[in-house]
Amino acid sequence: ALRWFDHYLKGMDTRVDAIPDVTQYLLGRERY
């Protein structure tokens, strides 16, 4: 959240574009 808001509210380069569009936990494999 800090990374998200620092970019959009403060104009800081926190590279939010590098955050994957979708990250899901995979049940059974037990990992993101």
ModelCIF file with pLDDT and N, C-alpha, C, O atoms, coordinates in Angstrom:
data_MODEL
#
_entry.id   MODEL 
#
_entity.id                         1 
_entity.type                       polymer 
_entity.pdbx_number_of_molecules   1 
#
_entity_poly.entity_id                      1 
_entity_poly.type                           'polypeptide(L)' 
_entity_poly.nstd_linkage                   no 
_entity_poly.nstd_monomer                   no 
_entity_poly.pdbx_seq_one_letter_code       ALRWFDHYLKGMDTRVDAIPDVTQYLLGRERY 
_entity_poly.pdbx_seq_one_letter_code_can   ALRWFDHYLKGMDTRVDAIPDVTQYLLGRERY 
_entity_poly.pdbx_strand_id                 A 
#
loop_
_entity_poly_seq.entity_id 
_entity_poly_seq.num 
_entity_poly_seq.mon_id 
_entity_poly_seq.hetero 
1 1  ALA n 
1 2  LEU n 
1 3  ARG n 
1 4  TRP n 
1 5  PHE n 
1 6  ASP n 
1 7  HIS n 
1 8  TYR n 
1 9  LEU n 
1 10 LYS n 
1 11 GLY n 
1 12 MET n 
1 13 ASP n 
1 14 THR n 
1 15 ARG n 
1 16 VAL n 
1 17 ASP n 
1 18 ALA n 
1 19 ILE n 
1 20 PRO n 
1 21 ASP n 
1 22 VAL n 
1 23 THR n 
1 24 GLN n 
1 25 TYR n 
1 26 LEU n 
1 27 LEU n 
1 28 GLY n 
1 29 ARG n 
1 30 GLU n 
1 31 ARG n 
1 32 TYR n 
#
_struct_asym.id          A 
_struct_asym.entity_id   1 
#
loop_
_ma_qa_metric.id 
_ma_qa_metric.mode 
_ma_qa_metric.name 
_ma_qa_metric.software_group_id 
_ma_qa_metric.type 
1 global pLDDT . pLDDT 
2 local  pLDDT . pLDDT 
#
_ma_qa_metric_global.metric_id      1 
_ma_qa_metric_global.metric_value   97.44 
_ma_qa_metric_global.model_id       1 
_ma_qa_metric_global.ordinal_id     1 
#
loop_
_ma_qa_metric_local.label_asym_id 
_ma_qa_metric_local.label_comp_id 
_ma_qa_metric_local.label_seq_id 
_ma_qa_metric_local.metric_id 
_ma_qa_metric_local.metric_value 
_ma_qa_metric_local.model_id 
_ma_qa_metric_local.ordinal_id 
A ALA 1  2 98.00 1 1  
A LEU 2  2 98.00 1 2  
A ARG 3  2 98.00 1 3  
A TRP 4  2 98.00 1 4  
A PHE 5  2 98.00 1 5  
A ASP 6  2 98.00 1 6  
A HIS 7  2 98.00 1 7  
A TYR 8  2 98.00 1 8  
A LEU 9  2 97.00 1 9  
A LYS 10 2 97.00 1 10 
A GLY 11 2 97.00 1 11 
A MET 12 2 98.00 1 12 
A ASP 13 2 96.00 1 13 
A THR 14 2 98.00 1 14 
A ARG 15 2 96.00 1 15 
A VAL 16 2 97.00 1 16 
A ASP 17 2 95.00 1 17 
A ALA 18 2 96.00 1 18 
A ILE 19 2 97.00 1 19 
A PRO 20 2 98.00 1 20 
A ASP 21 2 98.00 1 21 
A VAL 22 2 98.00 1 22 
A THR 23 2 98.00 1 23 
A GLN 24 2 98.00 1 24 
A TYR 25 2 98.00 1 25 
A LEU 26 2 98.00 1 26 
A LEU 27 2 98.00 1 27 
A GLY 28 2 97.00 1 28 
A ARG 29 2 96.00 1 29 
A GLU 30 2 97.00 1 30 
A ARG 31 2 98.00 1 31 
A TYR 32 2 98.00 1 32 
#
loop_
_atom_site.group_PDB 
_atom_site.id 
_atom_site.type_symbol 
_atom_site.label_atom_id 
_atom_site.label_alt_id 
_atom_site.label_comp_id 
_atom_site.label_asym_id 
_atom_site.label_entity_id 
_atom_site.label_seq_id 
_atom_site.pdbx_PDB_ins_code 
_atom_site.Cartn_x 
_atom_site.Cartn_y 
_atom_site.Cartn_z 
_atom_site.occupancy 
_atom_site.B_iso_or_equiv 
_atom_site.pdbx_formal_charge 
_atom_site.auth_seq_id 
_atom_site.auth_comp_id 
_atom_site.auth_asym_id 
_atom_site.auth_atom_id 
_atom_site.pdbx_PDB_model_num 
ATOM 1   N N  . ALA A 1 1  ? 0.831  -1.213  0.000   1.00 98.00 ? 1  ALA A N  1 
ATOM 2   C CA . ALA A 1 1  ? 0.000  0.000   0.000   1.00 98.00 ? 1  ALA A CA 1 
ATOM 3   C C  . ALA A 1 1  ? 0.862  1.258   0.000   1.00 98.00 ? 1  ALA A C  1 
ATOM 4   O O  . ALA A 1 1  ? 0.563  2.215   -0.713  1.00 98.00 ? 1  ALA A O  1 
ATOM 5   N N  . LEU A 1 2  ? 1.927  1.261   0.793   1.00 98.00 ? 2  LEU A N  1 
ATOM 6   C CA . LEU A 1 2  ? 2.819  2.422   0.813   1.00 98.00 ? 2  LEU A CA 1 
ATOM 7   C C  . LEU A 1 2  ? 3.453  2.646   -0.556  1.00 98.00 ? 2  LEU A C  1 
ATOM 8   O O  . LEU A 1 2  ? 3.556  3.779   -1.027  1.00 98.00 ? 2  LEU A O  1 
ATOM 9   N N  . ARG A 1 3  ? 3.868  1.574   -1.177  1.00 98.00 ? 3  ARG A N  1 
ATOM 10  C CA . ARG A 1 3  ? 4.471  1.686   -2.504  1.00 98.00 ? 3  ARG A CA 1 
ATOM 11  C C  . ARG A 1 3  ? 3.448  2.246   -3.502  1.00 98.00 ? 3  ARG A C  1 
ATOM 12  O O  . ARG A 1 3  ? 3.785  3.084   -4.339  1.00 98.00 ? 3  ARG A O  1 
ATOM 13  N N  . TRP A 1 4  ? 2.198  1.777   -3.407  1.00 98.00 ? 4  TRP A N  1 
ATOM 14  C CA . TRP A 1 4  ? 1.125  2.212   -4.302  1.00 98.00 ? 4  TRP A CA 1 
ATOM 15  C C  . TRP A 1 4  ? 0.828  3.702   -4.112  1.00 98.00 ? 4  TRP A C  1 
ATOM 16  O O  . TRP A 1 4  ? 0.762  4.461   -5.079  1.00 98.00 ? 4  TRP A O  1 
ATOM 17  N N  . PHE A 1 5  ? 0.650  4.107   -2.852  1.00 98.00 ? 5  PHE A N  1 
ATOM 18  C CA . PHE A 1 5  ? 0.283  5.492   -2.577  1.00 98.00 ? 5  PHE A CA 1 
ATOM 19  C C  . PHE A 1 5  ? 1.463  6.452   -2.745  1.00 98.00 ? 5  PHE A C  1 
ATOM 20  O O  . PHE A 1 5  ? 1.272  7.596   -3.156  1.00 98.00 ? 5  PHE A O  1 
ATOM 21  N N  . ASP A 1 6  ? 2.687  5.994   -2.429  1.00 98.00 ? 6  ASP A N  1 
ATOM 22  C CA . ASP A 1 6  ? 3.852  6.869   -2.661  1.00 98.00 ? 6  ASP A CA 1 
ATOM 23  C C  . ASP A 1 6  ? 3.955  7.248   -4.129  1.00 98.00 ? 6  ASP A C  1 
ATOM 24  O O  . ASP A 1 6  ? 4.338  8.369   -4.464  1.00 98.00 ? 6  ASP A O  1 
ATOM 25  N N  . HIS A 1 7  ? 3.609  6.306   -5.006  1.00 98.00 ? 7  HIS A N  1 
ATOM 26  C CA . HIS A 1 7  ? 3.677  6.595   -6.440  1.00 98.00 ? 7  HIS A CA 1 
ATOM 27  C C  . HIS A 1 7  ? 2.567  7.563   -6.855  1.00 98.00 ? 7  HIS A C  1 
ATOM 28  O O  . HIS A 1 7  ? 2.832  8.586   -7.487  1.00 98.00 ? 7  HIS A O  1 
ATOM 29  N N  . TYR A 1 8  ? 1.312  7.231   -6.493  1.00 98.00 ? 8  TYR A N  1 
ATOM 30  C CA . TYR A 1 8  ? 0.185  8.000   -7.018  1.00 98.00 ? 8  TYR A CA 1 
ATOM 31  C C  . TYR A 1 8  ? -0.094 9.280   -6.246  1.00 98.00 ? 8  TYR A C  1 
ATOM 32  O O  . TYR A 1 8  ? -0.690 10.204  -6.798  1.00 98.00 ? 8  TYR A O  1 
ATOM 33  N N  . LEU A 1 9  ? 0.321  9.360   -4.982  1.00 97.00 ? 9  LEU A N  1 
ATOM 34  C CA . LEU A 1 9  ? 0.065  10.562  -4.201  1.00 97.00 ? 9  LEU A CA 1 
ATOM 35  C C  . LEU A 1 9  ? 1.284  11.480  -4.116  1.00 97.00 ? 9  LEU A C  1 
ATOM 36  O O  . LEU A 1 9  ? 1.148  12.703  -4.080  1.00 97.00 ? 9  LEU A O  1 
ATOM 37  N N  . LYS A 1 10 ? 2.487  10.874  -4.083  1.00 97.00 ? 10 LYS A N  1 
ATOM 38  C CA . LYS A 1 10 ? 3.698  11.684  -3.917  1.00 97.00 ? 10 LYS A CA 1 
ATOM 39  C C  . LYS A 1 10 ? 4.527  11.805  -5.191  1.00 97.00 ? 10 LYS A C  1 
ATOM 40  O O  . LYS A 1 10 ? 5.463  12.602  -5.263  1.00 97.00 ? 10 LYS A O  1 
ATOM 41  N N  . GLY A 1 11 ? 4.173  11.004  -6.195  1.00 97.00 ? 11 GLY A N  1 
ATOM 42  C CA . GLY A 1 11 ? 4.926  11.065  -7.440  1.00 97.00 ? 11 GLY A CA 1 
ATOM 43  C C  . GLY A 1 11 ? 6.275  10.379  -7.363  1.00 97.00 ? 11 GLY A C  1 
ATOM 44  O O  . GLY A 1 11 ? 7.129  10.614  -8.218  1.00 97.00 ? 11 GLY A O  1 
ATOM 45  N N  . MET A 1 12 ? 6.492  9.538   -6.365  1.00 98.00 ? 12 MET A N  1 
ATOM 46  C CA . MET A 1 12 ? 7.764  8.834   -6.223  1.00 98.00 ? 12 MET A CA 1 
ATOM 47  C C  . MET A 1 12 ? 7.834  7.669   -7.210  1.00 98.00 ? 12 MET A C  1 
ATOM 48  O O  . MET A 1 12 ? 6.817  7.068   -7.557  1.00 98.00 ? 12 MET A O  1 
ATOM 49  N N  . ASP A 1 13 ? 9.037  7.367   -7.646  1.00 96.00 ? 13 ASP A N  1 
ATOM 50  C CA . ASP A 1 13 ? 9.229  6.259   -8.581  1.00 96.00 ? 13 ASP A CA 1 
ATOM 51  C C  . ASP A 1 13 ? 9.378  4.961   -7.777  1.00 96.00 ? 13 ASP A C  1 
ATOM 52  O O  . ASP A 1 13 ? 10.491 4.541   -7.461  1.00 96.00 ? 13 ASP A O  1 
ATOM 53  N N  . THR A 1 14 ? 8.257  4.343   -7.457  1.00 98.00 ? 14 THR A N  1 
ATOM 54  C CA . THR A 1 14 ? 8.293  3.077   -6.709  1.00 98.00 ? 14 THR A CA 1 
ATOM 55  C C  . THR A 1 14 ? 8.066  1.878   -7.634  1.00 98.00 ? 14 THR A C  1 
ATOM 56  O O  . THR A 1 14 ? 7.864  0.756   -7.170  1.00 98.00 ? 14 THR A O  1 
ATOM 57  N N  . ARG A 1 15 ? 8.100  2.124   -8.924  1.00 96.00 ? 15 ARG A N  1 
ATOM 58  C CA . ARG A 1 15 ? 8.006  1.073   -9.945  1.00 96.00 ? 15 ARG A CA 1 
ATOM 59  C C  . ARG A 1 15 ? 6.744  0.216   -9.770  1.00 96.00 ? 15 ARG A C  1 
ATOM 60  O O  . ARG A 1 15 ? 6.807  -1.013  -9.800  1.00 96.00 ? 15 ARG A O  1 
ATOM 61  N N  . VAL A 1 16 ? 5.615  0.877   -9.589  1.00 97.00 ? 16 VAL A N  1 
ATOM 62  C CA . VAL A 1 16 ? 4.375  0.123   -9.455  1.00 97.00 ? 16 VAL A CA 1 
ATOM 63  C C  . VAL A 1 16 ? 4.030  -0.625  -10.739 1.00 97.00 ? 16 VAL A C  1 
ATOM 64  O O  . VAL A 1 16 ? 3.299  -1.615  -10.712 1.00 97.00 ? 16 VAL A O  1 
ATOM 65  N N  . ASP A 1 17 ? 4.567  -0.139  -11.875 1.00 95.00 ? 17 ASP A N  1 
ATOM 66  C CA . ASP A 1 17 ? 4.309  -0.842  -13.125 1.00 95.00 ? 17 ASP A CA 1 
ATOM 67  C C  . ASP A 1 17 ? 4.955  -2.219  -13.152 1.00 95.00 ? 17 ASP A C  1 
ATOM 68  O O  . ASP A 1 17 ? 4.575  -3.066  -13.960 1.00 95.00 ? 17 ASP A O  1 
ATOM 69  N N  . ALA A 1 18 ? 5.934  -2.451  -12.272 1.00 96.00 ? 18 ALA A N  1 
ATOM 70  C CA . ALA A 1 18 ? 6.596  -3.753  -12.207 1.00 96.00 ? 18 ALA A CA 1 
ATOM 71  C C  . ALA A 1 18 ? 5.831  -4.754  -11.342 1.00 96.00 ? 18 ALA A C  1 
ATOM 72  O O  . ALA A 1 18 ? 6.147  -5.944  -11.352 1.00 96.00 ? 18 ALA A O  1 
ATOM 73  N N  . ILE A 1 19 ? 4.831  -4.286  -10.596 1.00 97.00 ? 19 ILE A N  1 
ATOM 74  C CA . ILE A 1 19 ? 4.012  -5.203  -9.806  1.00 97.00 ? 19 ILE A CA 1 
ATOM 75  C C  . ILE A 1 19 ? 3.170  -6.041  -10.760 1.00 97.00 ? 19 ILE A C  1 
ATOM 76  O O  . ILE A 1 19 ? 2.514  -5.481  -11.638 1.00 97.00 ? 19 ILE A O  1 
ATOM 77  N N  . PRO A 1 20 ? 3.166  -7.360  -10.616 1.00 98.00 ? 20 PRO A N  1 
ATOM 78  C CA . PRO A 1 20 ? 2.356  -8.194  -11.520 1.00 98.00 ? 20 PRO A CA 1 
ATOM 79  C C  . PRO A 1 20 ? 0.887  -7.787  -11.476 1.00 98.00 ? 20 PRO A C  1 
ATOM 80  O O  . PRO A 1 20 ? 0.370  -7.394  -10.431 1.00 98.00 ? 20 PRO A O  1 
ATOM 81  N N  . ASP A 1 21 ? 0.226  -7.887  -12.625 1.00 98.00 ? 21 ASP A N  1 
ATOM 82  C CA . ASP A 1 21 ? -1.186 -7.521  -12.678 1.00 98.00 ? 21 ASP A CA 1 
ATOM 83  C C  . ASP A 1 21 ? -2.022 -8.426  -11.764 1.00 98.00 ? 21 ASP A C  1 
ATOM 84  O O  . ASP A 1 21 ? -2.926 -7.953  -11.075 1.00 98.00 ? 21 ASP A O  1 
ATOM 85  N N  . VAL A 1 22 ? -1.719 -9.713  -11.764 1.00 98.00 ? 22 VAL A N  1 
ATOM 86  C CA . VAL A 1 22 ? -2.481 -10.656 -10.946 1.00 98.00 ? 22 VAL A CA 1 
ATOM 87  C C  . VAL A 1 22 ? -1.521 -11.600 -10.233 1.00 98.00 ? 22 VAL A C  1 
ATOM 88  O O  . VAL A 1 22 ? -0.667 -12.229 -10.858 1.00 98.00 ? 22 VAL A O  1 
ATOM 89  N N  . THR A 1 23 ? -1.672 -11.687 -8.931  1.00 98.00 ? 23 THR A N  1 
ATOM 90  C CA . THR A 1 23 ? -0.934 -12.655 -8.120  1.00 98.00 ? 23 THR A CA 1 
ATOM 91  C C  . THR A 1 23 ? -1.957 -13.416 -7.288  1.00 98.00 ? 23 THR A C  1 
ATOM 92  O O  . THR A 1 23 ? -2.722 -12.816 -6.533  1.00 98.00 ? 23 THR A O  1 
ATOM 93  N N  . GLN A 1 24 ? -1.967 -14.740 -7.427  1.00 98.00 ? 24 GLN A N  1 
ATOM 94  C CA . GLN A 1 24 ? -2.912 -15.566 -6.681  1.00 98.00 ? 24 GLN A CA 1 
ATOM 95  C C  . GLN A 1 24 ? -2.189 -16.672 -5.936  1.00 98.00 ? 24 GLN A C  1 
ATOM 96  O O  . GLN A 1 24 ? -1.192 -17.219 -6.408  1.00 98.00 ? 24 GLN A O  1 
ATOM 97  N N  . TYR A 1 25 ? -2.711 -16.987 -4.770  1.00 98.00 ? 25 TYR A N  1 
ATOM 98  C CA . TYR A 1 25 ? -2.237 -18.162 -4.051  1.00 98.00 ? 25 TYR A CA 1 
ATOM 99  C C  . TYR A 1 25 ? -2.818 -19.396 -4.729  1.00 98.00 ? 25 TYR A C  1 
ATOM 100 O O  . TYR A 1 25 ? -4.001 -19.416 -5.068  1.00 98.00 ? 25 TYR A O  1 
ATOM 101 N N  . LEU A 1 26 ? -2.007 -20.415 -4.929  1.00 98.00 ? 26 LEU A N  1 
ATOM 102 C CA . LEU A 1 26 ? -2.444 -21.641 -5.586  1.00 98.00 ? 26 LEU A CA 1 
ATOM 103 C C  . LEU A 1 26 ? -2.589 -22.731 -4.528  1.00 98.00 ? 26 LEU A C  1 
ATOM 104 O O  . LEU A 1 26 ? -1.597 -23.270 -4.037  1.00 98.00 ? 26 LEU A O  1 
ATOM 105 N N  . LEU A 1 27 ? -3.824 -23.044 -4.187  1.00 98.00 ? 27 LEU A N  1 
ATOM 106 C CA . LEU A 1 27 ? -4.080 -24.108 -3.224  1.00 98.00 ? 27 LEU A CA 1 
ATOM 107 C C  . LEU A 1 27 ? -3.563 -25.437 -3.777  1.00 98.00 ? 27 LEU A C  1 
ATOM 108 O O  . LEU A 1 27 ? -3.712 -25.723 -4.965  1.00 98.00 ? 27 LEU A O  1 
ATOM 109 N N  . GLY A 1 28 ? -2.968 -26.224 -2.928  1.00 97.00 ? 28 GLY A N  1 
ATOM 110 C CA . GLY A 1 28 ? -2.401 -27.491 -3.372  1.00 97.00 ? 28 GLY A CA 1 
ATOM 111 C C  . GLY A 1 28 ? -0.920 -27.374 -3.651  1.00 97.00 ? 28 GLY A C  1 
ATOM 112 O O  . GLY A 1 28 ? -0.139 -28.261 -3.306  1.00 97.00 ? 28 GLY A O  1 
ATOM 113 N N  . ARG A 1 29 ? -0.531 -26.263 -4.285  1.00 96.00 ? 29 ARG A N  1 
ATOM 114 C CA . ARG A 1 29 ? 0.891  -25.985 -4.458  1.00 96.00 ? 29 ARG A CA 1 
ATOM 115 C C  . ARG A 1 29 ? 1.390  -25.131 -3.299  1.00 96.00 ? 29 ARG A C  1 
ATOM 116 O O  . ARG A 1 29 ? 2.592  -25.034 -3.051  1.00 96.00 ? 29 ARG A O  1 
ATOM 117 N N  . GLU A 1 30 ? 0.440  -24.511 -2.591  1.00 97.00 ? 30 GLU A N  1 
ATOM 118 C CA . GLU A 1 30 ? 0.681  -23.748 -1.366  1.00 97.00 ? 30 GLU A CA 1 
ATOM 119 C C  . GLU A 1 30 ? 1.733  -22.655 -1.552  1.00 97.00 ? 30 GLU A C  1 
ATOM 120 O O  . GLU A 1 30 ? 2.684  -22.550 -0.778  1.00 97.00 ? 30 GLU A O  1 
ATOM 121 N N  . ARG A 1 31 ? 1.546  -21.858 -2.580  1.00 98.00 ? 31 ARG A N  1 
ATOM 122 C CA . ARG A 1 31 ? 2.442  -20.747 -2.819  1.00 98.00 ? 31 ARG A CA 1 
ATOM 123 C C  . ARG A 1 31 ? 1.743  -19.720 -3.715  1.00 98.00 ? 31 ARG A C  1 
ATOM 124 O O  . ARG A 1 31 ? 0.766  -20.026 -4.399  1.00 98.00 ? 31 ARG A O  1 
ATOM 125 N N  . TYR A 1 32 ? 2.276  -18.494 -3.689  1.00 98.00 ? 32 TYR A N  1 
ATOM 126 C CA . TYR A 1 32 ? 1.766  -17.443 -4.563  1.00 98.00 ? 32 TYR A CA 1 
ATOM 127 C C  . TYR A 1 32 ? 2.390  -17.591 -5.947  1.00 98.00 ? 32 TYR A C  1 
ATOM 128 O O  . TYR A 1 32 ? 2.096  -16.801 -6.844  1.00 98.00 ? 32 TYR A O  1 
#
